[in-house]
């Protein structure tokens, strides 16, 4: 597990799969310092990413997940 910002270097140097937490729909104010968007995760070649609070803090989990995933489509 690593941040989005280290994923590309880890993959290039060690060839490992990367899992990154802290994915948000948009980058903005947050209680975590090292958050990133889906678009940033895909750009940095992340294999898997974790989205927690942006989904579970919404009433409609499925809609929240779809919105986050679709925010990375126009990369």
PDB file of N, CA and C in Angstrom:
ATOM      1  N   UNK A   1       0.847  -1.165   0.000  1.00  0.00           N
ATOM      2  CA  UNK A   1       0.000   0.000   0.000  1.00  0.00           C
ATOM      3  C   UNK A   1       0.893   1.228   0.000  1.00  0.00           C
ATOM      4  N   UNK A   2       0.541   2.207  -0.817  1.00  0.00           N
ATOM      5  CA  UNK A   2       1.322   3.433  -0.911  1.00  0.00           C
ATOM      6  C   UNK A   2       0.398   4.564  -1.339  1.00  0.00           C
ATOM      7  N   UNK A   3       0.911   5.778  -1.342  1.00  0.00           N
ATOM      8  CA  UNK A   3       0.090   6.884  -1.825  1.00  0.00           C
ATOM      9  C   UNK A   3       0.155   6.906  -3.353  1.00  0.00           C
ATOM     10  N   UNK A   4      -0.781   7.599  -3.943  1.00  0.00           N
ATOM     11  CA  UNK A   4      -0.798   7.758  -5.399  1.00  0.00           C
ATOM     12  C   UNK A   4       0.530   8.340  -5.871  1.00  0.00           C
ATOM     13  N   UNK A   5       1.077   9.231  -5.085  1.00  0.00           N
ATOM     14  CA  UNK A   5       2.267   9.982  -5.483  1.00  0.00           C
ATOM     15  C   UNK A   5       3.534   9.125  -5.509  1.00  0.00           C
ATOM     16  N   UNK A   6       3.534   7.953  -4.912  1.00  0.00           N
ATOM     17  CA  UNK A   6       4.688   7.053  -4.971  1.00  0.00           C
ATOM     18  C   UNK A   6       4.460   5.859  -5.891  1.00  0.00           C
ATOM     19  N   UNK A   7       3.234   5.625  -6.297  1.00  0.00           N
ATOM     20  CA  UNK A   7       2.876   4.408  -7.030  1.00  0.00           C
ATOM     21  C   UNK A   7       3.682   4.207  -8.308  1.00  0.00           C
ATOM     22  N   UNK A   8       3.802   5.217  -9.113  1.00  0.00           N
ATOM     23  CA  UNK A   8       4.493   5.072 -10.394  1.00  0.00           C
ATOM     24  C   UNK A   8       5.961   4.680 -10.179  1.00  0.00           C
ATOM     25  N   UNK A   9       6.634   5.320  -9.235  1.00  0.00           N
ATOM     26  CA  UNK A   9       8.041   4.999  -8.964  1.00  0.00           C
ATOM     27  C   UNK A   9       8.190   3.577  -8.433  1.00  0.00           C
ATOM     28  N   UNK A  10       7.276   3.160  -7.562  1.00  0.00           N
ATOM     29  CA  UNK A  10       7.323   1.798  -7.008  1.00  0.00           C
ATOM     30  C   UNK A  10       7.140   0.765  -8.115  1.00  0.00           C
ATOM     31  N   UNK A  11       6.197   1.011  -9.008  1.00  0.00           N
ATOM     32  CA  UNK A  11       5.962   0.088 -10.122  1.00  0.00           C
ATOM     33  C   UNK A  11       7.174   0.025 -11.040  1.00  0.00           C
ATOM     34  N   UNK A  12       7.756   1.195 -11.360  1.00  0.00           N
ATOM     35  CA  UNK A  12       8.901   1.224 -12.267  1.00  0.00           C
ATOM     36  C   UNK A  12      10.136   0.559 -11.651  1.00  0.00           C
ATOM     37  N   UNK A  13      10.381   0.813 -10.375  1.00  0.00           N
ATOM     38  CA  UNK A  13      11.596   0.307  -9.742  1.00  0.00           C
ATOM     39  C   UNK A  13      11.490  -1.163  -9.325  1.00  0.00           C
ATOM     40  N   UNK A  14      10.326  -1.544  -8.780  1.00  0.00           N
ATOM     41  CA  UNK A  14      10.190  -2.892  -8.224  1.00  0.00           C
ATOM     42  C   UNK A  14       9.187  -3.789  -8.959  1.00  0.00           C
ATOM     43  N   UNK A  15       8.364  -3.227  -9.825  1.00  0.00           N
ATOM     44  CA  UNK A  15       7.380  -4.008 -10.553  1.00  0.00           C
ATOM     45  C   UNK A  15       6.249  -4.558  -9.689  1.00  0.00           C
ATOM     46  N   UNK A  16       5.986  -3.902  -8.572  1.00  0.00           N
ATOM     47  CA  UNK A  16       4.953  -4.372  -7.643  1.00  0.00           C
ATOM     48  C   UNK A  16       3.574  -3.829  -7.999  1.00  0.00           C
ATOM     49  N   UNK A  17       2.540  -4.552  -7.601  1.00  0.00           N
ATOM     50  CA  UNK A  17       1.184  -4.019  -7.692  1.00  0.00           C
ATOM     51  C   UNK A  17       1.028  -2.942  -6.626  1.00  0.00           C
ATOM     52  N   UNK A  18       0.253  -1.925  -6.921  1.00  0.00           N
ATOM     53  CA  UNK A  18       0.061  -0.838  -5.961  1.00  0.00           C
ATOM     54  C   UNK A  18      -1.408  -0.699  -5.571  1.00  0.00           C
ATOM     55  N   UNK A  19      -1.622  -0.456  -4.303  1.00  0.00           N
ATOM     56  CA  UNK A  19      -2.948  -0.202  -3.743  1.00  0.00           C
ATOM     57  C   UNK A  19      -2.848   1.136  -3.033  1.00  0.00           C
ATOM     58  N   UNK A  20      -3.718   2.058  -3.384  1.00  0.00           N
ATOM     59  CA  UNK A  20      -3.628   3.388  -2.795  1.00  0.00           C
ATOM     60  C   UNK A  20      -4.933   3.815  -2.135  1.00  0.00           C
ATOM     61  N   UNK A  21      -4.850   4.278  -0.900  1.00  0.00           N
ATOM     62  CA  UNK A  21      -6.030   4.820  -0.216  1.00  0.00           C
ATOM     63  C   UNK A  21      -6.153   6.320  -0.487  1.00  0.00           C
ATOM     64  N   UNK A  22      -7.180   6.920   0.058  1.00  0.00           N
ATOM     65  CA  UNK A  22      -7.319   8.377   0.013  1.00  0.00           C
ATOM     66  C   UNK A  22      -7.823   8.916  -1.306  1.00  0.00           C
ATOM     67  N   UNK A  23      -8.604   8.144  -2.039  1.00  0.00           N
ATOM     68  CA  UNK A  23      -9.127   8.613  -3.316  1.00  0.00           C
ATOM     69  C   UNK A  23     -10.395   9.429  -3.074  1.00  0.00           C
ATOM     70  N   UNK A  24     -10.454  10.585  -3.715  1.00  0.00           N
ATOM     71  CA  UNK A  24     -11.589  11.499  -3.579  1.00  0.00           C
ATOM     72  C   UNK A  24     -12.118  11.861  -4.957  1.00  0.00           C
ATOM     73  N   UNK A  25     -13.343  12.364  -5.007  1.00  0.00           N
ATOM     74  CA  UNK A  25     -13.951  12.782  -6.276  1.00  0.00           C
ATOM     75  C   UNK A  25     -13.232  14.012  -6.824  1.00  0.00           C
ATOM     76  N   UNK A  26     -12.959  14.948  -5.956  1.00  0.00           N
ATOM     77  CA  UNK A  26     -12.211  16.139  -6.338  1.00  0.00           C
ATOM     78  C   UNK A  26     -11.162  16.414  -5.276  1.00  0.00           C
ATOM     79  N   UNK A  27     -10.123  17.072  -5.676  1.00  0.00           N
ATOM     80  CA  UNK A  27      -9.089  17.425  -4.703  1.00  0.00           C
ATOM     81  C   UNK A  27      -9.488  18.750  -4.065  1.00  0.00           C
ATOM     82  N   UNK A  28      -9.516  18.775  -2.775  1.00  0.00           N
ATOM     83  CA  UNK A  28      -9.910  19.979  -2.057  1.00  0.00           C
ATOM     84  C   UNK A  28      -9.601  19.818  -0.590  1.00  0.00           C
ATOM     85  N   UNK A  29     -10.317  20.539   0.235  1.00  0.00           N
ATOM     86  CA  UNK A  29     -10.092  20.438   1.678  1.00  0.00           C
ATOM     87  C   UNK A  29     -10.449  19.046   2.165  1.00  0.00           C
ATOM     88  N   UNK A  30      -9.576  18.515   2.984  1.00  0.00           N
ATOM     89  CA  UNK A  30      -9.776  17.168   3.490  1.00  0.00           C
ATOM     90  C   UNK A  30      -9.004  17.026   4.787  1.00  0.00           C
ATOM     91  N   UNK A  31      -9.394  16.077   5.605  1.00  0.00           N
ATOM     92  CA  UNK A  31      -8.667  15.854   6.855  1.00  0.00           C
ATOM     93  C   UNK A  31      -7.402  15.026   6.636  1.00  0.00           C
ATOM     94  N   UNK A  32      -7.244  14.476   5.443  1.00  0.00           N
ATOM     95  CA  UNK A  32      -6.024  13.744   5.100  1.00  0.00           C
ATOM     96  C   UNK A  32      -5.173  14.619   4.182  1.00  0.00           C
ATOM     97  N   UNK A  33      -3.877  14.515   4.337  1.00  0.00           N
ATOM     98  CA  UNK A  33      -2.983  15.365   3.551  1.00  0.00           C
ATOM     99  C   UNK A  33      -2.655  14.795   2.176  1.00  0.00           C
ATOM    100  N   UNK A  34      -2.673  13.484   2.040  1.00  0.00           N
ATOM    101  CA  UNK A  34      -2.201  12.865   0.803  1.00  0.00           C
ATOM    102  C   UNK A  34      -3.336  12.212   0.028  1.00  0.00           C
ATOM    103  N   UNK A  35      -4.333  12.990  -0.292  1.00  0.00           N
ATOM    104  CA  UNK A  35      -5.453  12.474  -1.072  1.00  0.00           C
ATOM    105  C   UNK A  35      -5.194  12.723  -2.556  1.00  0.00           C
ATOM    106  N   UNK A  36      -5.933  12.017  -3.388  1.00  0.00           N
ATOM    107  CA  UNK A  36      -5.795  12.175  -4.829  1.00  0.00           C
ATOM    108  C   UNK A  36      -7.127  11.847  -5.493  1.00  0.00           C
ATOM    109  N   UNK A  37      -7.249  12.230  -6.722  1.00  0.00           N
ATOM    110  CA  UNK A  37      -8.448  11.928  -7.501  1.00  0.00           C
ATOM    111  C   UNK A  37      -8.240  10.621  -8.274  1.00  0.00           C
ATOM    112  N   UNK A  38      -9.319  10.090  -8.806  1.00  0.00           N
ATOM    113  CA  UNK A  38      -9.239   8.890  -9.649  1.00  0.00           C
ATOM    114  C   UNK A  38      -8.336   9.175 -10.844  1.00  0.00           C
ATOM    115  N   UNK A  39      -8.489  10.342 -11.418  1.00  0.00           N
ATOM    116  CA  UNK A  39      -7.682  10.722 -12.575  1.00  0.00           C
ATOM    117  C   UNK A  39      -6.191  10.686 -12.242  1.00  0.00           C
ATOM    118  N   UNK A  40      -5.823  11.209 -11.078  1.00  0.00           N
ATOM    119  CA  UNK A  40      -4.416  11.183 -10.651  1.00  0.00           C
ATOM    120  C   UNK A  40      -3.945   9.752 -10.420  1.00  0.00           C
ATOM    121  N   UNK A  41      -4.804   8.935  -9.846  1.00  0.00           N
ATOM    122  CA  UNK A  41      -4.443   7.532  -9.591  1.00  0.00           C
ATOM    123  C   UNK A  41      -4.174   6.798 -10.904  1.00  0.00           C
ATOM    124  N   UNK A  42      -5.033   6.992 -11.876  1.00  0.00           N
ATOM    125  CA  UNK A  42      -4.850   6.336 -13.168  1.00  0.00           C
ATOM    126  C   UNK A  42      -3.607   6.856 -13.877  1.00  0.00           C
ATOM    127  N   UNK A  43      -3.371   8.146 -13.799  1.00  0.00           N
ATOM    128  CA  UNK A  43      -2.185   8.752 -14.418  1.00  0.00           C
ATOM    129  C   UNK A  43      -0.899   8.191 -13.808  1.00  0.00           C
ATOM    130  N   UNK A  44      -0.939   7.887 -12.512  1.00  0.00           N
ATOM    131  CA  UNK A  44       0.235   7.362 -11.819  1.00  0.00           C
ATOM    132  C   UNK A  44       0.282   5.840 -11.792  1.00  0.00           C
ATOM    133  N   UNK A  45      -0.520   5.219 -12.646  1.00  0.00           N
ATOM    134  CA  UNK A  45      -0.496   3.769 -12.871  1.00  0.00           C
ATOM    135  C   UNK A  45      -0.823   2.914 -11.653  1.00  0.00           C
ATOM    136  N   UNK A  46      -1.720   3.407 -10.814  1.00  0.00           N
ATOM    137  CA  UNK A  46      -2.166   2.657  -9.643  1.00  0.00           C
ATOM    138  C   UNK A  46      -2.960   1.440 -10.120  1.00  0.00           C
ATOM    139  N   UNK A  47      -2.724   0.292  -9.501  1.00  0.00           N
ATOM    140  CA  UNK A  47      -3.453  -0.916  -9.869  1.00  0.00           C
ATOM    141  C   UNK A  47      -4.826  -0.985  -9.199  1.00  0.00           C
ATOM    142  N   UNK A  48      -4.856  -0.672  -7.914  1.00  0.00           N
ATOM    143  CA  UNK A  48      -6.100  -0.703  -7.136  1.00  0.00           C
ATOM    144  C   UNK A  48      -6.138   0.532  -6.250  1.00  0.00           C
ATOM    145  N   UNK A  49      -7.327   1.107  -6.093  1.00  0.00           N
ATOM    146  CA  UNK A  49      -7.430   2.217  -5.166  1.00  0.00           C
ATOM    147  C   UNK A  49      -8.603   2.021  -4.221  1.00  0.00           C
ATOM    148  N   UNK A  50      -8.477   2.653  -3.058  1.00  0.00           N
ATOM    149  CA  UNK A  50      -9.453   2.503  -1.984  1.00  0.00           C
ATOM    150  C   UNK A  50     -10.222   3.812  -1.826  1.00  0.00           C
ATOM    151  N   UNK A  51     -11.534   3.695  -1.857  1.00  0.00           N
ATOM    152  CA  UNK A  51     -12.400   4.851  -1.627  1.00  0.00           C
ATOM    153  C   UNK A  51     -13.300   4.497  -0.450  1.00  0.00           C
ATOM    154  N   UNK A  52     -13.149   5.192   0.641  1.00  0.00           N
ATOM    155  CA  UNK A  52     -13.940   4.882   1.829  1.00  0.00           C
ATOM    156  C   UNK A  52     -15.003   5.924   2.105  1.00  0.00           C
ATOM    157  N   UNK A  53     -14.614   6.935   2.858  1.00  0.00           N
ATOM    158  CA  UNK A  53     -15.576   7.943   3.322  1.00  0.00           C
ATOM    159  C   UNK A  53     -16.367   8.645   2.232  1.00  0.00           C
ATOM    160  N   UNK A  54     -15.777   8.940   1.067  1.00  0.00           N
ATOM    161  CA  UNK A  54     -16.586   9.600   0.039  1.00  0.00           C
ATOM    162  C   UNK A  54     -17.785   8.756  -0.413  1.00  0.00           C
ATOM    163  N   UNK A  55     -17.742   7.465  -0.142  1.00  0.00           N
ATOM    164  CA  UNK A  55     -18.880   6.610  -0.488  1.00  0.00           C
ATOM    165  C   UNK A  55     -19.760   6.368   0.732  1.00  0.00           C
ATOM    166  N   UNK A  56     -19.170   5.960   1.843  1.00  0.00           N
ATOM    167  CA  UNK A  56     -19.997   5.580   2.992  1.00  0.00           C
ATOM    168  C   UNK A  56     -20.658   6.760   3.693  1.00  0.00           C
ATOM    169  N   UNK A  57     -20.203   7.971   3.412  1.00  0.00           N
ATOM    170  CA  UNK A  57     -20.847   9.149   3.998  1.00  0.00           C
ATOM    171  C   UNK A  57     -22.017   9.665   3.157  1.00  0.00           C
ATOM    172  N   UNK A  58     -22.345   8.959   2.094  1.00  0.00           N
ATOM    173  CA  UNK A  58     -23.475   9.345   1.245  1.00  0.00           C
ATOM    174  C   UNK A  58     -24.667   8.419   1.488  1.00  0.00           C
ATOM    175  N   UNK A  59     -25.841   8.912   1.233  1.00  0.00           N
ATOM    176  CA  UNK A  59     -27.042   8.083   1.409  1.00  0.00           C
ATOM    177  C   UNK A  59     -27.124   6.993   0.340  1.00  0.00           C
ATOM    178  N   UNK A  60     -26.749   7.342  -0.880  1.00  0.00           N
ATOM    179  CA  UNK A  60     -26.814   6.396  -1.987  1.00  0.00           C
ATOM    180  C   UNK A  60     -25.386   5.956  -2.335  1.00  0.00           C
ATOM    181  N   UNK A  61     -24.966   4.821  -1.771  1.00  0.00           N
ATOM    182  CA  UNK A  61     -23.601   4.337  -1.954  1.00  0.00           C
ATOM    183  C   UNK A  61     -23.264   4.086  -3.420  1.00  0.00           C
ATOM    184  N   UNK A  62     -24.175   3.455  -4.130  1.00  0.00           N
ATOM    185  CA  UNK A  62     -23.926   3.115  -5.524  1.00  0.00           C
ATOM    186  C   UNK A  62     -23.722   4.363  -6.368  1.00  0.00           C
ATOM    187  N   UNK A  63     -24.578   5.340  -6.189  1.00  0.00           N
ATOM    188  CA  UNK A  63     -24.463   6.596  -6.942  1.00  0.00           C
ATOM    189  C   UNK A  63     -23.131   7.280  -6.620  1.00  0.00           C
ATOM    190  N   UNK A  64     -22.749   7.308  -5.356  1.00  0.00           N
ATOM    191  CA  UNK A  64     -21.477   7.932  -4.955  1.00  0.00           C
ATOM    192  C   UNK A  64     -20.297   7.229  -5.610  1.00  0.00           C
ATOM    193  N   UNK A  65     -20.321   5.907  -5.623  1.00  0.00           N
ATOM    194  CA  UNK A  65     -19.241   5.139  -6.246  1.00  0.00           C
ATOM    195  C   UNK A  65     -19.188   5.390  -7.754  1.00  0.00           C
ATOM    196  N   UNK A  66     -20.336   5.415  -8.392  1.00  0.00           N
ATOM    197  CA  UNK A  66     -20.380   5.671  -9.831  1.00  0.00           C
ATOM    198  C   UNK A  66     -19.835   7.057 -10.165  1.00  0.00           C
ATOM    199  N   UNK A  67     -20.174   8.055  -9.349  1.00  0.00           N
ATOM    200  CA  UNK A  67     -19.691   9.418  -9.585  1.00  0.00           C
ATOM    201  C   UNK A  67     -18.170   9.499  -9.443  1.00  0.00           C
ATOM    202  N   UNK A  68     -17.641   8.838  -8.446  1.00  0.00           N
ATOM    203  CA  UNK A  68     -16.191   8.858  -8.250  1.00  0.00           C
ATOM    204  C   UNK A  68     -15.491   8.162  -9.408  1.00  0.00           C
ATOM    205  N   UNK A  69     -15.987   7.013  -9.804  1.00  0.00           N
ATOM    206  CA  UNK A  69     -15.364   6.296 -10.913  1.00  0.00           C
ATOM    207  C   UNK A  69     -15.475   7.062 -12.227  1.00  0.00           C
ATOM    208  N   UNK A  70     -16.613   7.679 -12.483  1.00  0.00           N
ATOM    209  CA  UNK A  70     -16.789   8.401 -13.734  1.00  0.00           C
ATOM    210  C   UNK A  70     -15.946   9.684 -13.758  1.00  0.00           C
ATOM    211  N   UNK A  71     -15.517  10.177 -12.611  1.00  0.00           N
ATOM    212  CA  UNK A  71     -14.681  11.384 -12.590  1.00  0.00           C
ATOM    213  C   UNK A  71     -13.306  11.133 -13.202  1.00  0.00           C
ATOM    214  N   UNK A  72     -12.921   9.881 -13.394  1.00  0.00           N
ATOM    215  CA  UNK A  72     -11.632   9.560 -13.984  1.00  0.00           C
ATOM    216  C   UNK A  72     -11.703   9.174 -15.453  1.00  0.00           C
ATOM    217  N   UNK A  73     -12.882   9.197 -16.038  1.00  0.00           N
ATOM    218  CA  UNK A  73     -13.052   8.720 -17.411  1.00  0.00           C
ATOM    219  C   UNK A  73     -12.384   9.577 -18.461  1.00  0.00           C
ATOM    220  N   UNK A  74     -12.348  10.863 -18.303  1.00  0.00           N
ATOM    221  CA  UNK A  74     -11.819  11.753 -19.349  1.00  0.00           C
ATOM    222  C   UNK A  74     -10.328  12.051 -19.155  1.00  0.00           C
ATOM    223  N   UNK A  75      -9.578  11.011 -18.887  1.00  0.00           N
ATOM    224  CA  UNK A  75      -8.147  11.220 -18.655  1.00  0.00           C
ATOM    225  C   UNK A  75      -7.398  11.374 -19.903  1.00  0.00           C
TER     226      UNK A  75
END
